[in-house]
Each structure stands twice: as C-alpha cells, then as structure tokens.
N, C-alpha and C. Protein backbone atom coordinates (compact mmCIF):
# COMPACT_ATOMS: atom_id res chain seq x y z
N MET A 1 -23.54 -3.84 6.35
CA MET A 1 -22.66 -2.68 6.43
C MET A 1 -21.95 -2.48 5.11
N SER A 2 -21.86 -1.26 4.65
CA SER A 2 -21.26 -0.93 3.37
C SER A 2 -19.74 -1.12 3.40
N GLN A 3 -19.19 -1.66 2.31
CA GLN A 3 -17.74 -1.79 2.17
C GLN A 3 -17.10 -0.45 1.82
N LEU A 4 -17.91 0.49 1.37
CA LEU A 4 -17.37 1.74 0.84
C LEU A 4 -17.05 2.77 1.90
N GLY A 5 -17.75 2.73 3.01
CA GLY A 5 -17.54 3.76 4.03
C GLY A 5 -17.86 5.12 3.43
N ASN A 6 -16.99 6.09 3.65
CA ASN A 6 -17.19 7.43 3.11
C ASN A 6 -16.35 7.69 1.87
N ARG A 7 -15.80 6.65 1.27
CA ARG A 7 -14.90 6.83 0.14
C ARG A 7 -15.66 6.83 -1.18
N ASN A 8 -15.24 7.70 -2.09
CA ASN A 8 -15.82 7.75 -3.43
C ASN A 8 -14.97 6.98 -4.43
N ILE A 9 -13.68 6.85 -4.17
CA ILE A 9 -12.77 6.13 -5.06
C ILE A 9 -12.11 5.02 -4.25
N VAL A 10 -12.25 3.79 -4.74
CA VAL A 10 -11.72 2.62 -4.02
C VAL A 10 -11.09 1.65 -5.02
N ASP A 11 -10.38 0.68 -4.50
CA ASP A 11 -9.84 -0.42 -5.28
C ASP A 11 -10.69 -1.65 -4.99
N ILE A 12 -10.95 -2.45 -6.02
CA ILE A 12 -11.87 -3.58 -5.88
C ILE A 12 -11.23 -4.85 -6.42
N ARG A 13 -11.44 -5.94 -5.66
CA ARG A 13 -11.07 -7.28 -6.12
C ARG A 13 -12.31 -7.98 -6.65
N PHE A 14 -12.17 -8.61 -7.82
CA PHE A 14 -13.25 -9.39 -8.42
C PHE A 14 -12.84 -10.85 -8.30
N CYS A 15 -13.54 -11.62 -7.49
CA CYS A 15 -13.23 -13.04 -7.29
C CYS A 15 -13.98 -13.86 -8.33
N CYS A 16 -13.26 -14.43 -9.27
CA CYS A 16 -13.87 -15.18 -10.37
C CYS A 16 -14.57 -16.45 -9.87
N MET A 17 -14.01 -17.13 -8.90
CA MET A 17 -14.63 -18.36 -8.38
C MET A 17 -15.96 -18.06 -7.69
N THR A 18 -15.99 -17.02 -6.88
CA THR A 18 -17.23 -16.63 -6.22
C THR A 18 -18.26 -16.19 -7.24
N ALA A 19 -17.82 -15.48 -8.27
CA ALA A 19 -18.74 -15.01 -9.31
C ALA A 19 -19.39 -16.20 -10.02
N VAL A 20 -18.59 -17.16 -10.44
CA VAL A 20 -19.12 -18.28 -11.22
C VAL A 20 -19.88 -19.27 -10.34
N LEU A 21 -19.27 -19.70 -9.25
CA LEU A 21 -19.88 -20.74 -8.43
C LEU A 21 -20.97 -20.22 -7.51
N GLY A 22 -20.75 -19.05 -6.93
CA GLY A 22 -21.70 -18.54 -5.95
C GLY A 22 -22.79 -17.66 -6.53
N SER A 23 -22.48 -16.94 -7.60
CA SER A 23 -23.44 -15.97 -8.14
C SER A 23 -23.85 -16.28 -9.58
N LYS A 24 -23.34 -17.37 -10.13
CA LYS A 24 -23.69 -17.77 -11.50
C LYS A 24 -23.39 -16.65 -12.50
N GLU A 25 -22.25 -15.97 -12.31
CA GLU A 25 -21.83 -14.88 -13.18
C GLU A 25 -20.59 -15.33 -13.96
N PRO A 26 -20.77 -15.86 -15.19
CA PRO A 26 -19.64 -16.41 -15.94
C PRO A 26 -18.93 -15.40 -16.85
N ARG A 27 -19.45 -14.18 -16.94
CA ARG A 27 -18.87 -13.22 -17.89
C ARG A 27 -17.52 -12.69 -17.42
N HIS A 28 -16.77 -12.14 -18.37
CA HIS A 28 -15.46 -11.58 -18.09
C HIS A 28 -15.58 -10.44 -17.08
N PRO A 29 -14.67 -10.36 -16.11
CA PRO A 29 -14.75 -9.33 -15.07
C PRO A 29 -14.84 -7.90 -15.61
N GLN A 30 -14.10 -7.58 -16.66
CA GLN A 30 -14.16 -6.22 -17.19
C GLN A 30 -15.54 -5.90 -17.77
N LEU A 31 -16.17 -6.87 -18.40
CA LEU A 31 -17.52 -6.69 -18.92
C LEU A 31 -18.53 -6.49 -17.78
N VAL A 32 -18.39 -7.28 -16.74
CA VAL A 32 -19.29 -7.15 -15.59
C VAL A 32 -19.14 -5.77 -14.96
N MET A 33 -17.92 -5.31 -14.78
CA MET A 33 -17.69 -3.98 -14.19
C MET A 33 -18.35 -2.90 -15.05
N LYS A 34 -18.20 -3.02 -16.36
CA LYS A 34 -18.81 -2.05 -17.27
C LYS A 34 -20.33 -2.06 -17.13
N GLU A 35 -20.92 -3.25 -17.10
CA GLU A 35 -22.38 -3.34 -17.01
C GLU A 35 -22.91 -2.89 -15.65
N LEU A 36 -22.08 -2.97 -14.60
CA LEU A 36 -22.47 -2.45 -13.29
C LEU A 36 -22.33 -0.93 -13.23
N GLY A 37 -21.69 -0.34 -14.26
CA GLY A 37 -21.50 1.10 -14.30
C GLY A 37 -20.30 1.58 -13.53
N ILE A 38 -19.42 0.65 -13.14
CA ILE A 38 -18.23 1.01 -12.36
C ILE A 38 -17.13 1.47 -13.31
N LEU A 39 -16.62 2.65 -13.05
CA LEU A 39 -15.48 3.17 -13.81
C LEU A 39 -14.20 2.86 -13.04
N TYR A 40 -13.11 2.58 -13.75
CA TYR A 40 -11.83 2.31 -13.08
C TYR A 40 -10.69 2.83 -13.92
N HIS A 41 -9.57 3.11 -13.26
CA HIS A 41 -8.40 3.67 -13.93
C HIS A 41 -7.56 2.58 -14.58
N ASN A 42 -7.41 1.45 -13.90
CA ASN A 42 -6.53 0.38 -14.36
C ASN A 42 -7.03 -0.94 -13.79
N SER A 43 -6.68 -2.03 -14.45
CA SER A 43 -7.04 -3.35 -13.92
C SER A 43 -5.91 -4.33 -14.21
N ALA A 44 -5.88 -5.40 -13.42
CA ALA A 44 -4.84 -6.41 -13.60
C ALA A 44 -5.38 -7.78 -13.17
N PRO A 45 -5.16 -8.81 -14.00
CA PRO A 45 -5.57 -10.16 -13.60
C PRO A 45 -4.60 -10.72 -12.56
N LYS A 46 -5.13 -11.46 -11.63
CA LYS A 46 -4.32 -12.18 -10.63
C LYS A 46 -4.69 -13.66 -10.76
N SER A 47 -4.13 -14.32 -11.76
CA SER A 47 -4.53 -15.69 -12.08
C SER A 47 -4.24 -16.68 -10.96
N VAL A 48 -3.22 -16.43 -10.18
CA VAL A 48 -2.89 -17.33 -9.07
C VAL A 48 -4.06 -17.42 -8.09
N TRP A 49 -4.78 -16.33 -7.92
CA TRP A 49 -5.90 -16.27 -6.98
C TRP A 49 -7.26 -16.29 -7.68
N ASP A 50 -7.30 -16.47 -9.01
CA ASP A 50 -8.55 -16.40 -9.77
C ASP A 50 -9.28 -15.09 -9.49
N GLN A 51 -8.53 -13.99 -9.58
CA GLN A 51 -9.10 -12.67 -9.31
C GLN A 51 -8.65 -11.68 -10.36
N TRP A 52 -9.41 -10.60 -10.46
CA TRP A 52 -8.99 -9.40 -11.16
C TRP A 52 -8.99 -8.28 -10.13
N TRP A 53 -8.02 -7.39 -10.21
CA TRP A 53 -7.97 -6.23 -9.34
C TRP A 53 -8.25 -4.99 -10.18
N PHE A 54 -9.13 -4.14 -9.69
CA PHE A 54 -9.50 -2.90 -10.37
C PHE A 54 -9.12 -1.73 -9.47
N PHE A 55 -8.42 -0.75 -10.05
CA PHE A 55 -7.86 0.35 -9.28
C PHE A 55 -8.58 1.67 -9.56
N ASP A 56 -8.72 2.47 -8.49
CA ASP A 56 -9.34 3.79 -8.57
C ASP A 56 -10.74 3.72 -9.16
N CYS A 57 -11.56 2.88 -8.57
CA CYS A 57 -12.93 2.68 -9.04
C CYS A 57 -13.86 3.80 -8.56
N GLN A 58 -14.78 4.18 -9.42
CA GLN A 58 -15.79 5.19 -9.11
C GLN A 58 -17.16 4.69 -9.55
N ARG A 59 -18.20 5.38 -9.11
CA ARG A 59 -19.59 5.02 -9.43
C ARG A 59 -19.89 3.58 -9.01
N ILE A 60 -19.64 3.30 -7.76
CA ILE A 60 -19.76 1.94 -7.22
C ILE A 60 -21.15 1.73 -6.63
N PRO A 61 -21.84 0.68 -7.07
CA PRO A 61 -23.15 0.40 -6.47
C PRO A 61 -23.00 -0.07 -5.03
N ASP A 62 -24.01 0.24 -4.23
CA ASP A 62 -23.99 -0.20 -2.84
C ASP A 62 -25.34 -0.82 -2.53
N PRO A 63 -25.38 -2.09 -2.21
CA PRO A 63 -24.25 -2.97 -1.91
C PRO A 63 -23.63 -3.55 -3.18
N LEU A 64 -22.38 -3.98 -3.02
CA LEU A 64 -21.67 -4.66 -4.10
C LEU A 64 -22.10 -6.12 -4.18
N PRO A 65 -22.05 -6.72 -5.37
CA PRO A 65 -22.27 -8.16 -5.46
C PRO A 65 -21.25 -8.91 -4.59
N LYS A 66 -21.58 -10.14 -4.19
CA LYS A 66 -20.73 -10.90 -3.27
C LYS A 66 -19.32 -11.15 -3.81
N TYR A 67 -19.15 -11.17 -5.11
CA TYR A 67 -17.85 -11.48 -5.71
C TYR A 67 -16.95 -10.25 -5.84
N LEU A 68 -17.44 -9.08 -5.45
CA LEU A 68 -16.63 -7.85 -5.46
C LEU A 68 -16.34 -7.43 -4.03
N LYS A 69 -15.08 -7.14 -3.75
CA LYS A 69 -14.66 -6.70 -2.42
C LYS A 69 -13.74 -5.50 -2.55
N VAL A 70 -13.99 -4.50 -1.73
CA VAL A 70 -13.07 -3.36 -1.64
C VAL A 70 -11.82 -3.84 -0.92
N PHE A 71 -10.64 -3.45 -1.44
CA PHE A 71 -9.41 -3.80 -0.74
C PHE A 71 -8.54 -2.58 -0.52
N ASP A 72 -7.65 -2.70 0.41
CA ASP A 72 -6.78 -1.60 0.85
C ASP A 72 -5.45 -1.68 0.09
N ARG A 73 -5.21 -0.73 -0.79
CA ARG A 73 -3.97 -0.75 -1.58
C ARG A 73 -2.73 -0.53 -0.71
N ASP A 74 -2.91 -0.06 0.53
CA ASP A 74 -1.77 0.14 1.42
C ASP A 74 -1.37 -1.14 2.14
N ASN A 75 -2.14 -2.21 1.96
CA ASN A 75 -1.81 -3.51 2.53
C ASN A 75 -0.47 -3.99 1.95
N GLN A 76 0.43 -4.45 2.80
CA GLN A 76 1.77 -4.84 2.36
C GLN A 76 1.76 -5.98 1.35
N GLU A 77 0.84 -6.92 1.48
CA GLU A 77 0.76 -8.02 0.52
C GLU A 77 0.41 -7.51 -0.88
N HIS A 78 -0.51 -6.57 -0.96
CA HIS A 78 -0.87 -6.01 -2.25
C HIS A 78 0.30 -5.24 -2.85
N LYS A 79 1.00 -4.48 -2.04
CA LYS A 79 2.16 -3.73 -2.51
C LYS A 79 3.25 -4.66 -3.05
N ARG A 80 3.41 -5.80 -2.41
CA ARG A 80 4.44 -6.75 -2.84
C ARG A 80 4.12 -7.33 -4.22
N HIS A 81 2.85 -7.57 -4.51
CA HIS A 81 2.47 -8.19 -5.77
C HIS A 81 2.37 -7.21 -6.94
N PHE A 82 1.98 -5.98 -6.67
CA PHE A 82 1.79 -5.00 -7.73
C PHE A 82 2.34 -3.63 -7.35
N PRO A 83 3.62 -3.52 -7.08
CA PRO A 83 4.14 -2.22 -6.65
C PRO A 83 3.92 -1.11 -7.68
N GLU A 84 4.05 -1.43 -8.96
CA GLU A 84 3.90 -0.41 -10.00
C GLU A 84 2.45 0.03 -10.16
N LEU A 85 1.50 -0.84 -9.94
CA LEU A 85 0.10 -0.48 -10.09
C LEU A 85 -0.46 0.19 -8.85
N LEU A 86 0.12 -0.07 -7.71
CA LEU A 86 -0.41 0.48 -6.48
C LEU A 86 0.18 1.82 -6.11
N SER A 87 1.06 2.32 -6.93
CA SER A 87 1.63 3.64 -6.68
C SER A 87 0.52 4.68 -6.81
N ARG A 88 0.46 5.60 -5.89
CA ARG A 88 -0.54 6.68 -5.94
C ARG A 88 -0.23 7.65 -7.07
N ASP A 89 0.96 7.54 -7.67
CA ASP A 89 1.38 8.47 -8.71
C ASP A 89 1.11 7.97 -10.13
N MET A 90 0.33 6.86 -10.29
CA MET A 90 0.16 6.33 -11.64
C MET A 90 -0.62 7.27 -12.52
C-alpha cells in the first residue's frame, strides 16, 4: 500500500540507521533525496533519532525506499520538536 495516498506534497522522514544497516545506503540524506528526484522546501537533521526530516516534498517515487517514511506534520510530537518548521506559513 502506498504511503502517499492521494497527496502530491508530503513531509518525509529519512531514517539514517535503516538506510545504512538495512539498505546499505551510506550517502548523505540530502544527496540521496536529490538522486531520487525528490524536491523539498526545507530539511532539518534530527540527530537524537538519527533522522533527517524533509518538508513539502514533491516528485516522490512510489514505492519509497524502506528508509523513507511519510509523516504527518500535524502530529503533536512533531509540532513540539519543530514548531517553526512545521508552520504551514513558512
């Protein structure tokens, strides 16, 4: 089942541990996103979770690699960690 549903613009989490250990993808997350052809408005590292978050992503391949997950910016936990980046007015 697609993570994208009917959405053209989504926010994506890049899990560095899953990329390296599970998919043998050691390259920098921003480089990987570029090579996948994914465009994004903004990105932020989340070193505590070994993740990068990419906001307002477009041109998303389906299916996504296992280390990329669509996430809901309206989730309260995400809002607590990045209130300035998750504003719809950025």
